[in-house]
Amino acid sequence: MTKAIAAETTLKGITINTLNLGYFDIGMITEVTKEMQEVIKTKIPIGQQFGDPENILEVISFIIKSAYMTGTSIDINGGII
């Protein structure tokens, strides 16, 4: 869907990209028990930890600066498959 919408909006100067998020130390994960959080962390290859919300901001900043980038999906998930 990202690529289709990007193809439709590019000539209007609109870029479309998606961020596919994993687990972060913010939001709904705080409702999950500590025991289940530890189980989830074992599935995250990059350091077995939740992401820092700052990681999301860094990627958004990159996208904003990249006018030639459109129709792309970016995984920010610590390597979860």
PDB file of N, CA and C in Angstrom:
ATOM      1  N   MET A   1       0.816  -1.176   0.000  1.00  0.00           N
ATOM      2  CA  MET A   1       0.000   0.000   0.000  1.00  0.00           C
ATOM      3  C   MET A   1       0.877   1.263   0.000  1.00  0.00           C
ATOM      4  N   THR A   2       1.992   1.206   0.722  1.00  0.00           N
ATOM      5  CA  THR A   2       2.890   2.355   0.788  1.00  0.00           C
ATOM      6  C   THR A   2       3.375   2.738  -0.607  1.00  0.00           C
ATOM      7  N   LYS A   3       3.796   1.740  -1.375  1.00  0.00           N
ATOM      8  CA  LYS A   3       4.302   2.015  -2.723  1.00  0.00           C
ATOM      9  C   LYS A   3       3.198   2.562  -3.629  1.00  0.00           C
ATOM     10  N   ALA A   4       1.994   2.040  -3.518  1.00  0.00           N
ATOM     11  CA  ALA A   4       0.889   2.499  -4.360  1.00  0.00           C
ATOM     12  C   ALA A   4       0.531   3.949  -4.046  1.00  0.00           C
ATOM     13  N   ILE A   5       0.429   4.281  -2.781  1.00  0.00           N
ATOM     14  CA  ILE A   5       0.102   5.657  -2.407  1.00  0.00           C
ATOM     15  C   ILE A   5       1.237   6.595  -2.799  1.00  0.00           C
ATOM     16  N   ALA A   6       2.475   6.157  -2.610  1.00  0.00           N
ATOM     17  CA  ALA A   6       3.628   6.978  -3.004  1.00  0.00           C
ATOM     18  C   ALA A   6       3.589   7.267  -4.506  1.00  0.00           C
ATOM     19  N   ALA A   7       3.244   6.270  -5.309  1.00  0.00           N
ATOM     20  CA  ALA A   7       3.177   6.459  -6.755  1.00  0.00           C
ATOM     21  C   ALA A   7       2.100   7.479  -7.132  1.00  0.00           C
ATOM     22  N   GLU A   8       1.009   7.494  -6.386  1.00  0.00           N
ATOM     23  CA  GLU A   8      -0.080   8.422  -6.676  1.00  0.00           C
ATOM     24  C   GLU A   8       0.218   9.856  -6.233  1.00  0.00           C
ATOM     25  N   THR A   9       1.035  10.030  -5.223  1.00  0.00           N
ATOM     26  CA  THR A   9       1.221  11.365  -4.636  1.00  0.00           C
ATOM     27  C   THR A   9       2.550  12.037  -4.985  1.00  0.00           C
ATOM     28  N   THR A  10       3.470  11.309  -5.569  1.00  0.00           N
ATOM     29  CA  THR A  10       4.806  11.845  -5.831  1.00  0.00           C
ATOM     30  C   THR A  10       4.779  13.093  -6.708  1.00  0.00           C
ATOM     31  N   LEU A  11       3.970  13.099  -7.761  1.00  0.00           N
ATOM     32  CA  LEU A  11       3.917  14.252  -8.658  1.00  0.00           C
ATOM     33  C   LEU A  11       3.337  15.495  -7.991  1.00  0.00           C
ATOM     34  N   LYS A  12       2.703  15.317  -6.838  1.00  0.00           N
ATOM     35  CA  LYS A  12       2.184  16.449  -6.067  1.00  0.00           C
ATOM     36  C   LYS A  12       3.189  16.914  -5.016  1.00  0.00           C
ATOM     37  N   GLY A  13       4.374  16.305  -5.024  1.00  0.00           N
ATOM     38  CA  GLY A  13       5.410  16.680  -4.072  1.00  0.00           C
ATOM     39  C   GLY A  13       5.237  16.056  -2.698  1.00  0.00           C
ATOM     40  N   ILE A  14       4.451  15.002  -2.619  1.00  0.00           N
ATOM     41  CA  ILE A  14       4.197  14.330  -1.343  1.00  0.00           C
ATOM     42  C   ILE A  14       4.925  12.996  -1.338  1.00  0.00           C
ATOM     43  N   THR A  15       5.725  12.772  -0.316  1.00  0.00           N
ATOM     44  CA  THR A  15       6.395  11.482  -0.168  1.00  0.00           C
ATOM     45  C   THR A  15       5.671  10.666   0.898  1.00  0.00           C
ATOM     46  N   ILE A  16       5.652   9.363   0.705  1.00  0.00           N
ATOM     47  CA  ILE A  16       4.972   8.452   1.617  1.00  0.00           C
ATOM     48  C   ILE A  16       5.951   7.350   2.022  1.00  0.00           C
ATOM     49  N   ASN A  17       6.139   7.194   3.313  1.00  0.00           N
ATOM     50  CA  ASN A  17       6.982   6.125   3.863  1.00  0.00           C
ATOM     51  C   ASN A  17       6.299   5.595   5.118  1.00  0.00           C
ATOM     52  N   THR A  18       6.602   4.356   5.474  1.00  0.00           N
ATOM     53  CA  THR A  18       6.027   3.801   6.696  1.00  0.00           C
ATOM     54  C   THR A  18       7.130   3.343   7.635  1.00  0.00           C
ATOM     55  N   LEU A  19       6.830   3.423   8.918  1.00  0.00           N
ATOM     56  CA  LEU A  19       7.714   2.914   9.959  1.00  0.00           C
ATOM     57  C   LEU A  19       7.028   1.712  10.597  1.00  0.00           C
ATOM     58  N   ASN A  20       7.720   0.591  10.619  1.00  0.00           N
ATOM     59  CA  ASN A  20       7.214  -0.631  11.240  1.00  0.00           C
ATOM     60  C   ASN A  20       7.925  -0.776  12.581  1.00  0.00           C
ATOM     61  N   LEU A  21       7.214  -0.481  13.644  1.00  0.00           N
ATOM     62  CA  LEU A  21       7.840  -0.416  14.961  1.00  0.00           C
ATOM     63  C   LEU A  21       7.804  -1.748  15.688  1.00  0.00           C
ATOM     64  N   GLY A  22       8.850  -1.970  16.462  1.00  0.00           N
ATOM     65  CA  GLY A  22       8.904  -3.108  17.366  1.00  0.00           C
ATOM     66  C   GLY A  22       8.455  -2.652  18.749  1.00  0.00           C
ATOM     67  N   TYR A  23       9.150  -3.116  19.764  1.00  0.00           N
ATOM     68  CA  TYR A  23       8.801  -2.799  21.154  1.00  0.00           C
ATOM     69  C   TYR A  23       9.680  -1.659  21.668  1.00  0.00           C
ATOM     70  N   PHE A  24       9.033  -0.674  22.290  1.00  0.00           N
ATOM     71  CA  PHE A  24       9.735   0.485  22.823  1.00  0.00           C
ATOM     72  C   PHE A  24       9.353   0.718  24.272  1.00  0.00           C
ATOM     73  N   ASP A  25      10.218   1.418  24.987  1.00  0.00           N
ATOM     74  CA  ASP A  25       9.984   1.734  26.403  1.00  0.00           C
ATOM     75  C   ASP A  25       8.965   2.856  26.556  1.00  0.00           C
ATOM     76  N   ILE A  26       7.843   2.707  25.899  1.00  0.00           N
ATOM     77  CA  ILE A  26       6.801   3.732  25.941  1.00  0.00           C
ATOM     78  C   ILE A  26       5.502   3.106  25.442  1.00  0.00           C
ATOM     79  N   GLY A  27       4.400   3.621  25.901  1.00  0.00           N
ATOM     80  CA  GLY A  27       3.105   3.199  25.372  1.00  0.00           C
ATOM     81  C   GLY A  27       2.562   1.923  25.976  1.00  0.00           C
ATOM     82  N   MET A  28       1.960   1.095  25.129  1.00  0.00           N
ATOM     83  CA  MET A  28       1.212  -0.073  25.579  1.00  0.00           C
ATOM     84  C   MET A  28       2.057  -1.114  26.306  1.00  0.00           C
ATOM     85  N   ILE A  29       3.363  -1.126  26.054  1.00  0.00           N
ATOM     86  CA  ILE A  29       4.205  -2.141  26.708  1.00  0.00           C
ATOM     87  C   ILE A  29       4.173  -1.992  28.224  1.00  0.00           C
ATOM     88  N   THR A  30       3.861  -0.795  28.710  1.00  0.00           N
ATOM     89  CA  THR A  30       3.809  -0.573  30.165  1.00  0.00           C
ATOM     90  C   THR A  30       2.645  -1.324  30.809  1.00  0.00           C
ATOM     91  N   GLU A  31       1.675  -1.750  29.997  1.00  0.00           N
ATOM     92  CA  GLU A  31       0.533  -2.520  30.498  1.00  0.00           C
ATOM     93  C   GLU A  31       0.846  -4.017  30.601  1.00  0.00           C
ATOM     94  N   VAL A  32       1.961  -4.429  30.017  1.00  0.00           N
ATOM     95  CA  VAL A  32       2.355  -5.838  30.012  1.00  0.00           C
ATOM     96  C   VAL A  32       3.121  -6.136  31.299  1.00  0.00           C
ATOM     97  N   THR A  33       2.896  -7.321  31.872  1.00  0.00           N
ATOM     98  CA  THR A  33       3.586  -7.674  33.120  1.00  0.00           C
ATOM     99  C   THR A  33       5.097  -7.693  32.912  1.00  0.00           C
ATOM    100  N   LYS A  34       5.821  -7.443  33.979  1.00  0.00           N
ATOM    101  CA  LYS A  34       7.288  -7.442  33.912  1.00  0.00           C
ATOM    102  C   LYS A  34       7.801  -8.805  33.450  1.00  0.00           C
ATOM    103  N   GLU A  35       7.159  -9.878  33.890  1.00  0.00           N
ATOM    104  CA  GLU A  35       7.578 -11.218  33.495  1.00  0.00           C
ATOM    105  C   GLU A  35       7.443 -11.399  31.983  1.00  0.00           C
ATOM    106  N   MET A  36       6.324 -10.947  31.415  1.00  0.00           N
ATOM    107  CA  MET A  36       6.113 -11.087  29.973  1.00  0.00           C
ATOM    108  C   MET A  36       7.054 -10.157  29.210  1.00  0.00           C
ATOM    109  N   GLN A  37       7.344  -8.989  29.757  1.00  0.00           N
ATOM    110  CA  GLN A  37       8.304  -8.092  29.118  1.00  0.00           C
ATOM    111  C   GLN A  37       9.665  -8.766  28.996  1.00  0.00           C
ATOM    112  N   GLU A  38      10.067  -9.478  30.022  1.00  0.00           N
ATOM    113  CA  GLU A  38      11.360 -10.178  29.979  1.00  0.00           C
ATOM    114  C   GLU A  38      11.360 -11.265  28.903  1.00  0.00           C
ATOM    115  N   VAL A  39      10.238 -11.953  28.744  1.00  0.00           N
ATOM    116  CA  VAL A  39      10.122 -12.974  27.694  1.00  0.00           C
ATOM    117  C   VAL A  39      10.231 -12.312  26.317  1.00  0.00           C
ATOM    118  N   ILE A  40       9.542 -11.200  26.135  1.00  0.00           N
ATOM    119  CA  ILE A  40       9.585 -10.475  24.856  1.00  0.00           C
ATOM    120  C   ILE A  40      11.015 -10.030  24.554  1.00  0.00           C
ATOM    121  N   LYS A  41      11.707  -9.526  25.553  1.00  0.00           N
ATOM    122  CA  LYS A  41      13.080  -9.037  25.356  1.00  0.00           C
ATOM    123  C   LYS A  41      14.014 -10.135  24.852  1.00  0.00           C
ATOM    124  N   THR A  42      13.768 -11.381  25.236  1.00  0.00           N
ATOM    125  CA  THR A  42      14.631 -12.471  24.773  1.00  0.00           C
ATOM    126  C   THR A  42      14.508 -12.696  23.260  1.00  0.00           C
ATOM    127  N   LYS A  43      13.440 -12.182  22.650  1.00  0.00           N
ATOM    128  CA  LYS A  43      13.213 -12.338  21.210  1.00  0.00           C
ATOM    129  C   LYS A  43      13.834 -11.198  20.390  1.00  0.00           C
ATOM    130  N   ILE A  44      14.407 -10.199  21.070  1.00  0.00           N
ATOM    131  CA  ILE A  44      14.966  -9.031  20.388  1.00  0.00           C
ATOM    132  C   ILE A  44      16.475  -9.223  20.238  1.00  0.00           C
ATOM    133  N   PRO A  45      16.947  -9.468  19.013  1.00  0.00           N
ATOM    134  CA  PRO A  45      18.365  -9.777  18.802  1.00  0.00           C
ATOM    135  C   PRO A  45      19.344  -8.678  19.223  1.00  0.00           C
ATOM    136  N   ILE A  46      18.979  -7.406  19.084  1.00  0.00           N
ATOM    137  CA  ILE A  46      19.928  -6.335  19.355  1.00  0.00           C
ATOM    138  C   ILE A  46      19.888  -5.940  20.837  1.00  0.00           C
ATOM    139  N   GLY A  47      20.601  -6.678  21.624  1.00  0.00           N
ATOM    140  CA  GLY A  47      20.761  -6.359  23.034  1.00  0.00           C
ATOM    141  C   GLY A  47      19.649  -6.798  23.959  1.00  0.00           C
ATOM    142  N   GLN A  48      18.680  -7.528  23.459  1.00  0.00           N
ATOM    143  CA  GLN A  48      17.568  -8.010  24.270  1.00  0.00           C
ATOM    144  C   GLN A  48      17.027  -6.905  25.175  1.00  0.00           C
ATOM    145  N   GLN A  49      16.683  -5.795  24.518  1.00  0.00           N
ATOM    146  CA  GLN A  49      16.123  -4.654  25.239  1.00  0.00           C
ATOM    147  C   GLN A  49      15.091  -3.970  24.368  1.00  0.00           C
ATOM    148  N   PHE A  50      14.202  -3.213  24.982  1.00  0.00           N
ATOM    149  CA  PHE A  50      13.245  -2.431  24.222  1.00  0.00           C
ATOM    150  C   PHE A  50      13.948  -1.216  23.638  1.00  0.00           C
ATOM    151  N   GLY A  51      13.404  -0.717  22.545  1.00  0.00           N
ATOM    152  CA  GLY A  51      13.978   0.449  21.906  1.00  0.00           C
ATOM    153  C   GLY A  51      13.711   1.720  22.699  1.00  0.00           C
ATOM    154  N   ASP A  52      14.556   2.697  22.456  1.00  0.00           N
ATOM    155  CA  ASP A  52      14.403   4.019  23.037  1.00  0.00           C
ATOM    156  C   ASP A  52      13.581   4.851  22.051  1.00  0.00           C
ATOM    157  N   PRO A  53      12.564   5.576  22.506  1.00  0.00           N
ATOM    158  CA  PRO A  53      11.778   6.399  21.583  1.00  0.00           C
ATOM    159  C   PRO A  53      12.636   7.353  20.742  1.00  0.00           C
ATOM    160  N   GLU A  54      13.804   7.694  21.218  1.00  0.00           N
ATOM    161  CA  GLU A  54      14.723   8.543  20.461  1.00  0.00           C
ATOM    162  C   GLU A  54      15.094   7.891  19.128  1.00  0.00           C
ATOM    163  N   ASN A  55      15.122   6.543  19.082  1.00  0.00           N
ATOM    164  CA  ASN A  55      15.407   5.828  17.835  1.00  0.00           C
ATOM    165  C   ASN A  55      14.375   6.164  16.759  1.00  0.00           C
ATOM    166  N   ILE A  56      13.130   6.293  17.150  1.00  0.00           N
ATOM    167  CA  ILE A  56      12.066   6.631  16.194  1.00  0.00           C
ATOM    168  C   ILE A  56      12.286   8.045  15.658  1.00  0.00           C
ATOM    169  N   LEU A  57      12.603   8.969  16.556  1.00  0.00           N
ATOM    170  CA  LEU A  57      12.837  10.357  16.141  1.00  0.00           C
ATOM    171  C   LEU A  57      14.011  10.472  15.174  1.00  0.00           C
ATOM    172  N   GLU A  58      15.044   9.682  15.378  1.00  0.00           N
ATOM    173  CA  GLU A  58      16.206   9.708  14.484  1.00  0.00           C
ATOM    174  C   GLU A  58      15.825   9.273  13.073  1.00  0.00           C
ATOM    175  N   VAL A  59      14.998   8.239  12.971  1.00  0.00           N
ATOM    176  CA  VAL A  59      14.583   7.756  11.652  1.00  0.00           C
ATOM    177  C   VAL A  59      13.655   8.771  10.982  1.00  0.00           C
ATOM    178  N   ILE A  60      12.745   9.355  11.746  1.00  0.00           N
ATOM    179  CA  ILE A  60      11.860  10.378  11.185  1.00  0.00           C
ATOM    180  C   ILE A  60      12.680  11.554  10.673  1.00  0.00           C
ATOM    181  N   SER A  61      13.675  11.963  11.422  1.00  0.00           N
ATOM    182  CA  SER A  61      14.554  13.055  10.997  1.00  0.00           C
ATOM    183  C   SER A  61      15.244  12.705   9.683  1.00  0.00           C
ATOM    184  N   PHE A  62      15.719  11.475   9.565  1.00  0.00           N
ATOM    185  CA  PHE A  62      16.362  11.021   8.327  1.00  0.00           C
ATOM    186  C   PHE A  62      15.398  11.102   7.147  1.00  0.00           C
ATOM    187  N   ILE A  63      14.168  10.646   7.358  1.00  0.00           N
ATOM    188  CA  ILE A  63      13.172  10.662   6.279  1.00  0.00           C
ATOM    189  C   ILE A  63      12.870  12.099   5.851  1.00  0.00           C
ATOM    190  N   ILE A  64      12.731  12.987   6.811  1.00  0.00           N
ATOM    191  CA  ILE A  64      12.427  14.387   6.500  1.00  0.00           C
ATOM    192  C   ILE A  64      13.532  15.007   5.646  1.00  0.00           C
ATOM    193  N   LYS A  65      14.777  14.648   5.941  1.00  0.00           N
ATOM    194  CA  LYS A  65      15.914  15.208   5.207  1.00  0.00           C
ATOM    195  C   LYS A  65      16.118  14.553   3.842  1.00  0.00           C
ATOM    196  N   SER A  66      15.441  13.440   3.581  1.00  0.00           N
ATOM    197  CA  SER A  66      15.655  12.672   2.347  1.00  0.00           C
ATOM    198  C   SER A  66      14.491  12.887   1.379  1.00  0.00           C
ATOM    199  N   ALA A  67      14.543  13.952   0.628  1.00  0.00           N
ATOM    200  CA  ALA A  67      13.455  14.295  -0.289  1.00  0.00           C
ATOM    201  C   ALA A  67      13.272  13.260  -1.400  1.00  0.00           C
ATOM    202  N   TYR A  68      14.288  12.470  -1.682  1.00  0.00           N
ATOM    203  CA  TYR A  68      14.238  11.496  -2.773  1.00  0.00           C
ATOM    204  C   TYR A  68      13.699  10.140  -2.318  1.00  0.00           C
ATOM    205  N   MET A  69      13.370  10.016  -1.063  1.00  0.00           N
ATOM    206  CA  MET A  69      12.935   8.745  -0.497  1.00  0.00           C
ATOM    207  C   MET A  69      11.413   8.713  -0.420  1.00  0.00           C
ATOM    208  N   THR A  70      10.813   7.762  -1.110  1.00  0.00           N
ATOM    209  CA  THR A  70       9.363   7.583  -1.039  1.00  0.00           C
ATOM    210  C   THR A  70       9.015   6.132  -1.351  1.00  0.00           C
ATOM    211  N   GLY A  71       7.899   5.675  -0.807  1.00  0.00           N
ATOM    212  CA  GLY A  71       7.449   4.306  -1.042  1.00  0.00           C
ATOM    213  C   GLY A  71       8.222   3.263  -0.268  1.00  0.00           C
ATOM    214  N   THR A  72       8.842   3.678   0.827  1.00  0.00           N
ATOM    215  CA  THR A  72       9.709   2.794   1.590  1.00  0.00           C
ATOM    216  C   THR A  72       9.105   2.431   2.943  1.00  0.00           C
ATOM    217  N   SER A  73       9.313   1.187   3.357  1.00  0.00           N
ATOM    218  CA  SER A  73       8.948   0.739   4.703  1.00  0.00           C
ATOM    219  C   SER A  73      10.224   0.485   5.475  1.00  0.00           C
ATOM    220  N   ILE A  74      10.314   1.061   6.647  1.00  0.00           N
ATOM    221  CA  ILE A  74      11.509   0.921   7.471  1.00  0.00           C
ATOM    222  C   ILE A  74      11.135   0.186   8.763  1.00  0.00           C
ATOM    223  N   ASP A  75      11.865  -0.895   9.044  1.00  0.00           N
ATOM    224  CA  ASP A  75      11.668  -1.637  10.288  1.00  0.00           C
ATOM    225  C   ASP A  75      12.545  -1.038  11.372  1.00  0.00           C
ATOM    226  N   ILE A  76      11.929  -0.659  12.481  1.00  0.00           N
ATOM    227  CA  ILE A  76      12.674  -0.184  13.655  1.00  0.00           C
ATOM    228  C   ILE A  76      12.254  -1.126  14.791  1.00  0.00           C
ATOM    229  N   ASN A  77      12.928  -2.263  14.859  1.00  0.00           N
ATOM    230  CA  ASN A  77      12.446  -3.309  15.764  1.00  0.00           C
ATOM    231  C   ASN A  77      13.553  -4.117  16.437  1.00  0.00           C
ATOM    232  N   GLY A  78      14.772  -3.645  16.386  1.00  0.00           N
ATOM    233  CA  GLY A  78      15.849  -4.361  17.048  1.00  0.00           C
ATOM    234  C   GLY A  78      16.216  -5.689  16.407  1.00  0.00           C
ATOM    235  N   GLY A  79      15.749  -5.923  15.189  1.00  0.00           N
ATOM    236  CA  GLY A  79      16.097  -7.143  14.485  1.00  0.00           C
ATOM    237  C   GLY A  79      15.100  -8.273  14.612  1.00  0.00           C
ATOM    238  N   ILE A  80      13.941  -7.990  15.208  1.00  0.00           N
ATOM    239  CA  ILE A  80      12.916  -9.031  15.317  1.00  0.00           C
ATOM    240  C   ILE A  80      12.471  -9.437  13.923  1.00  0.00           C
ATOM    241  N   ILE A  81      12.384 -10.730  13.709  1.00  0.00           N
ATOM    242  CA  ILE A  81      11.965 -11.247  12.392  1.00  0.00           C
ATOM    243  C   ILE A  81      10.477 -11.528  12.423  1.00  0.00           C
TER     244      ILE A  81
END
